[in-house]
Amino acid sequence: MTTKTASINQIQSFKSDVKRLVKAMTIIAWAVLSIGVLLCLVNLSHFSDQNVGLMVGIGFLIGSVHIYVIGTAIGLVHARRQQEQQPFNQSEPLL
């Protein structure tokens, strides 16, 4: 029977990679939101479902929310995982 081993360096690099991913997804979400707002404002004169630019802008607005939520969820899942992997509190007596 074999066990998986991980060194501290591997865990630290994984932690920074997740933080970098969450930060990148947040930046991408804000960029997509900005593009969506710009497209909506430019194409607002003809307010109709036939206006492709307006519909794409609304799609960008909705997509930015999804990107942000997914990035935040990844960060929260990783934080919960890190919390569960920490050793037990040393103040409690071991039996």
N, C-alpha and C. Protein backbone atom coordinates (compact mmCIF):
# COMPACT_ATOMS: atom_id res chain seq x y z
N MET A 1 0.84 -1.17 0.00
CA MET A 1 0.00 0.00 0.00
C MET A 1 0.89 1.24 0.00
N THR A 2 0.61 2.15 -0.89
CA THR A 2 1.41 3.36 -0.99
C THR A 2 0.61 4.56 -0.49
N THR A 3 1.34 5.54 -0.03
CA THR A 3 0.71 6.78 0.41
C THR A 3 1.22 7.92 -0.42
N LYS A 4 0.39 8.92 -0.54
CA LYS A 4 0.78 10.12 -1.26
C LYS A 4 1.48 11.07 -0.31
N THR A 5 2.60 11.59 -0.71
CA THR A 5 3.31 12.56 0.12
C THR A 5 3.40 13.88 -0.64
N ALA A 6 3.38 14.94 0.11
CA ALA A 6 3.50 16.27 -0.47
C ALA A 6 4.42 17.09 0.42
N SER A 7 5.28 17.82 -0.21
CA SER A 7 6.16 18.68 0.57
C SER A 7 5.50 20.04 0.78
N ILE A 8 6.05 20.81 1.68
CA ILE A 8 5.50 22.13 1.98
C ILE A 8 5.59 23.04 0.76
N ASN A 9 6.64 22.90 -0.02
CA ASN A 9 6.80 23.75 -1.20
C ASN A 9 5.67 23.52 -2.21
N GLN A 10 5.25 22.27 -2.37
CA GLN A 10 4.17 21.99 -3.30
C GLN A 10 2.86 22.61 -2.82
N ILE A 11 2.59 22.56 -1.55
CA ILE A 11 1.35 23.12 -1.01
C ILE A 11 1.37 24.64 -1.13
N GLN A 12 2.47 25.27 -0.83
CA GLN A 12 2.56 26.73 -0.92
C GLN A 12 2.39 27.20 -2.36
N SER A 13 3.00 26.50 -3.33
CA SER A 13 2.86 26.94 -4.72
C SER A 13 1.43 26.74 -5.20
N PHE A 14 0.76 25.67 -4.74
CA PHE A 14 -0.63 25.44 -5.12
C PHE A 14 -1.53 26.53 -4.55
N LYS A 15 -1.23 26.96 -3.33
CA LYS A 15 -2.02 28.02 -2.69
C LYS A 15 -1.87 29.33 -3.47
N SER A 16 -0.66 29.66 -3.88
CA SER A 16 -0.47 30.91 -4.62
C SER A 16 -1.07 30.81 -6.01
N ASP A 17 -1.07 29.61 -6.60
CA ASP A 17 -1.69 29.45 -7.92
C ASP A 17 -3.19 29.67 -7.84
N VAL A 18 -3.82 29.20 -6.79
CA VAL A 18 -5.27 29.40 -6.63
C VAL A 18 -5.57 30.88 -6.41
N LYS A 19 -4.78 31.54 -5.59
CA LYS A 19 -5.00 32.98 -5.38
C LYS A 19 -4.84 33.75 -6.67
N ARG A 20 -3.85 33.36 -7.45
CA ARG A 20 -3.61 34.03 -8.73
C ARG A 20 -4.78 33.79 -9.69
N LEU A 21 -5.32 32.56 -9.68
CA LEU A 21 -6.46 32.24 -10.53
C LEU A 21 -7.69 33.05 -10.14
N VAL A 22 -7.95 33.15 -8.84
CA VAL A 22 -9.11 33.91 -8.36
C VAL A 22 -8.95 35.38 -8.73
N LYS A 23 -7.75 35.92 -8.55
CA LYS A 23 -7.52 37.32 -8.90
C LYS A 23 -7.67 37.55 -10.40
N ALA A 24 -7.17 36.62 -11.21
CA ALA A 24 -7.29 36.75 -12.67
C ALA A 24 -8.75 36.68 -13.10
N MET A 25 -9.51 35.78 -12.50
CA MET A 25 -10.93 35.67 -12.87
C MET A 25 -11.71 36.90 -12.45
N THR A 26 -11.33 37.51 -11.33
CA THR A 26 -11.99 38.75 -10.91
C THR A 26 -11.69 39.87 -11.91
N ILE A 27 -10.46 39.97 -12.34
CA ILE A 27 -10.09 41.00 -13.32
C ILE A 27 -10.81 40.77 -14.64
N ILE A 28 -10.87 39.51 -15.07
CA ILE A 28 -11.58 39.19 -16.32
C ILE A 28 -13.06 39.52 -16.20
N ALA A 29 -13.66 39.23 -15.04
CA ALA A 29 -15.08 39.53 -14.84
C ALA A 29 -15.33 41.03 -14.93
N TRP A 30 -14.46 41.83 -14.34
CA TRP A 30 -14.63 43.29 -14.42
C TRP A 30 -14.44 43.79 -15.84
N ALA A 31 -13.51 43.20 -16.58
CA ALA A 31 -13.29 43.60 -17.97
C ALA A 31 -14.51 43.26 -18.83
N VAL A 32 -15.06 42.06 -18.64
CA VAL A 32 -16.24 41.66 -19.40
C VAL A 32 -17.44 42.54 -19.03
N LEU A 33 -17.57 42.88 -17.76
CA LEU A 33 -18.64 43.78 -17.33
C LEU A 33 -18.50 45.14 -18.00
N SER A 34 -17.29 45.67 -18.06
CA SER A 34 -17.06 46.97 -18.70
C SER A 34 -17.41 46.92 -20.18
N ILE A 35 -17.02 45.85 -20.86
CA ILE A 35 -17.35 45.70 -22.28
C ILE A 35 -18.87 45.63 -22.46
N GLY A 36 -19.54 44.89 -21.57
CA GLY A 36 -21.00 44.77 -21.65
C GLY A 36 -21.70 46.10 -21.46
N VAL A 37 -21.25 46.88 -20.48
CA VAL A 37 -21.85 48.20 -20.25
C VAL A 37 -21.62 49.10 -21.45
N LEU A 38 -20.42 49.06 -22.00
CA LEU A 38 -20.11 49.89 -23.17
C LEU A 38 -20.98 49.50 -24.36
N LEU A 39 -21.10 48.20 -24.61
CA LEU A 39 -21.95 47.76 -25.73
C LEU A 39 -23.41 48.14 -25.52
N CYS A 40 -23.89 48.02 -24.30
CA CYS A 40 -25.28 48.39 -24.03
C CYS A 40 -25.51 49.88 -24.23
N LEU A 41 -24.58 50.71 -23.75
CA LEU A 41 -24.75 52.15 -23.90
C LEU A 41 -24.67 52.60 -25.35
N VAL A 42 -23.79 51.99 -26.13
CA VAL A 42 -23.63 52.38 -27.53
C VAL A 42 -24.87 51.98 -28.34
N ASN A 43 -25.46 50.83 -28.02
CA ASN A 43 -26.57 50.31 -28.81
C ASN A 43 -27.93 50.51 -28.16
N LEU A 44 -28.04 51.46 -27.25
CA LEU A 44 -29.28 51.66 -26.52
C LEU A 44 -30.33 52.43 -27.32
N SER A 45 -29.93 53.08 -28.41
CA SER A 45 -30.87 53.91 -29.17
C SER A 45 -32.01 53.09 -29.77
N HIS A 46 -31.71 51.92 -30.26
CA HIS A 46 -32.75 51.04 -30.82
C HIS A 46 -32.97 49.89 -29.83
N PHE A 47 -33.87 50.12 -28.86
CA PHE A 47 -34.11 49.16 -27.79
C PHE A 47 -35.07 48.09 -28.28
N SER A 48 -34.51 46.99 -28.78
CA SER A 48 -35.33 45.91 -29.35
C SER A 48 -34.54 44.61 -29.27
N ASP A 49 -35.26 43.50 -29.36
CA ASP A 49 -34.56 42.22 -29.37
C ASP A 49 -33.89 41.95 -30.72
N GLN A 50 -34.16 42.78 -31.70
CA GLN A 50 -33.50 42.66 -32.99
C GLN A 50 -32.14 43.36 -33.00
N ASN A 51 -31.84 44.12 -31.97
CA ASN A 51 -30.57 44.84 -31.86
C ASN A 51 -29.51 43.88 -31.33
N VAL A 52 -28.67 43.39 -32.23
CA VAL A 52 -27.68 42.37 -31.88
C VAL A 52 -26.64 42.93 -30.90
N GLY A 53 -26.22 44.14 -31.09
CA GLY A 53 -25.22 44.74 -30.21
C GLY A 53 -25.71 44.85 -28.77
N LEU A 54 -26.97 45.23 -28.62
CA LEU A 54 -27.56 45.33 -27.28
C LEU A 54 -27.68 43.95 -26.63
N MET A 55 -28.09 42.96 -27.42
CA MET A 55 -28.23 41.61 -26.88
C MET A 55 -26.87 41.02 -26.49
N VAL A 56 -25.86 41.30 -27.26
CA VAL A 56 -24.51 40.83 -26.92
C VAL A 56 -24.02 41.54 -25.66
N GLY A 57 -24.32 42.82 -25.54
CA GLY A 57 -23.95 43.57 -24.33
C GLY A 57 -24.61 43.01 -23.09
N ILE A 58 -25.88 42.67 -23.19
CA ILE A 58 -26.58 42.06 -22.05
C ILE A 58 -25.98 40.69 -21.74
N GLY A 59 -25.62 39.96 -22.77
CA GLY A 59 -24.94 38.67 -22.56
C GLY A 59 -23.62 38.82 -21.84
N PHE A 60 -22.87 39.85 -22.17
CA PHE A 60 -21.62 40.13 -21.47
C PHE A 60 -21.86 40.48 -20.01
N LEU A 61 -22.93 41.24 -19.75
CA LEU A 61 -23.26 41.58 -18.35
C LEU A 61 -23.56 40.33 -17.54
N ILE A 62 -24.35 39.45 -18.11
CA ILE A 62 -24.71 38.21 -17.41
C ILE A 62 -23.48 37.30 -17.28
N GLY A 63 -22.69 37.23 -18.33
CA GLY A 63 -21.49 36.40 -18.30
C GLY A 63 -20.48 36.86 -17.26
N SER A 64 -20.37 38.16 -17.07
CA SER A 64 -19.41 38.67 -16.08
C SER A 64 -19.79 38.23 -14.68
N VAL A 65 -21.08 38.19 -14.39
CA VAL A 65 -21.54 37.72 -13.07
C VAL A 65 -21.18 36.25 -12.89
N HIS A 66 -21.36 35.46 -13.92
CA HIS A 66 -21.03 34.04 -13.85
C HIS A 66 -19.53 33.84 -13.63
N ILE A 67 -18.71 34.58 -14.34
CA ILE A 67 -17.26 34.47 -14.18
C ILE A 67 -16.86 34.83 -12.76
N TYR A 68 -17.43 35.90 -12.23
CA TYR A 68 -17.08 36.33 -10.87
C TYR A 68 -17.51 35.29 -9.83
N VAL A 69 -18.71 34.73 -10.00
CA VAL A 69 -19.21 33.74 -9.04
C VAL A 69 -18.36 32.47 -9.08
N ILE A 70 -17.98 32.03 -10.25
CA ILE A 70 -17.15 30.83 -10.36
C ILE A 70 -15.78 31.07 -9.73
N GLY A 71 -15.18 32.23 -9.97
CA GLY A 71 -13.89 32.55 -9.36
C GLY A 71 -13.97 32.61 -7.84
N THR A 72 -15.03 33.21 -7.34
CA THR A 72 -15.21 33.29 -5.88
C THR A 72 -15.44 31.91 -5.29
N ALA A 73 -16.20 31.07 -5.97
CA ALA A 73 -16.46 29.72 -5.49
C ALA A 73 -15.17 28.90 -5.44
N ILE A 74 -14.31 29.06 -6.43
CA ILE A 74 -13.03 28.35 -6.42
C ILE A 74 -12.21 28.78 -5.20
N GLY A 75 -12.18 30.07 -4.92
CA GLY A 75 -11.44 30.56 -3.76
C GLY A 75 -12.00 30.05 -2.45
N LEU A 76 -13.34 30.01 -2.33
CA LEU A 76 -13.96 29.54 -1.10
C LEU A 76 -13.75 28.04 -0.89
N VAL A 77 -13.85 27.26 -1.96
CA VAL A 77 -13.62 25.82 -1.85
C VAL A 77 -12.18 25.54 -1.44
N HIS A 78 -11.27 26.29 -2.02
CA HIS A 78 -9.86 26.09 -1.65
C HIS A 78 -9.60 26.49 -0.21
N ALA A 79 -10.21 27.57 0.24
CA ALA A 79 -10.03 27.99 1.64
C ALA A 79 -10.59 26.96 2.60
N ARG A 80 -11.74 26.40 2.28
CA ARG A 80 -12.35 25.36 3.13
C ARG A 80 -11.46 24.12 3.15
N ARG A 81 -10.93 23.78 2.00
CA ARG A 81 -10.04 22.60 1.90
C ARG A 81 -8.78 22.79 2.73
N GLN A 82 -8.21 24.00 2.67
CA GLN A 82 -7.01 24.30 3.46
C GLN A 82 -7.33 24.24 4.95
N GLN A 83 -8.50 24.71 5.33
CA GLN A 83 -8.89 24.72 6.73
C GLN A 83 -9.07 23.29 7.25
N GLU A 84 -9.61 22.41 6.43
CA GLU A 84 -9.81 21.02 6.85
C GLU A 84 -8.50 20.25 6.91
N GLN A 85 -7.49 20.65 6.12
CA GLN A 85 -6.23 19.94 6.10
C GLN A 85 -5.28 20.35 7.21
N GLN A 86 -5.59 21.44 7.91
CA GLN A 86 -4.72 21.87 9.01
C GLN A 86 -4.80 20.86 10.14
N PRO A 87 -3.70 20.67 10.86
CA PRO A 87 -3.73 19.71 11.97
C PRO A 87 -4.68 20.19 13.07
N PHE A 88 -5.06 19.24 13.93
CA PHE A 88 -5.96 19.56 15.02
C PHE A 88 -5.36 20.62 15.93
N ASN A 89 -6.22 21.31 16.64
CA ASN A 89 -5.79 22.35 17.58
C ASN A 89 -4.95 21.70 18.69
N GLN A 90 -3.77 22.23 18.92
CA GLN A 90 -2.86 21.64 19.88
C GLN A 90 -3.27 21.90 21.33
N SER A 91 -4.19 22.83 21.58
CA SER A 91 -4.61 23.12 22.94
C SER A 91 -5.51 22.03 23.52
N GLU A 92 -6.14 21.24 22.64
CA GLU A 92 -7.00 20.17 23.12
C GLU A 92 -6.13 18.97 23.53
N PRO A 93 -6.43 18.34 24.65
CA PRO A 93 -5.64 17.18 25.07
C PRO A 93 -5.92 15.98 24.17
N LEU A 94 -4.87 15.28 23.82
CA LEU A 94 -5.00 14.09 23.01
C LEU A 94 -5.20 12.88 23.92
N LEU A 95 -6.10 12.00 23.58
CA LEU A 95 -6.36 10.81 24.39
C LEU A 95 -5.59 9.63 23.90
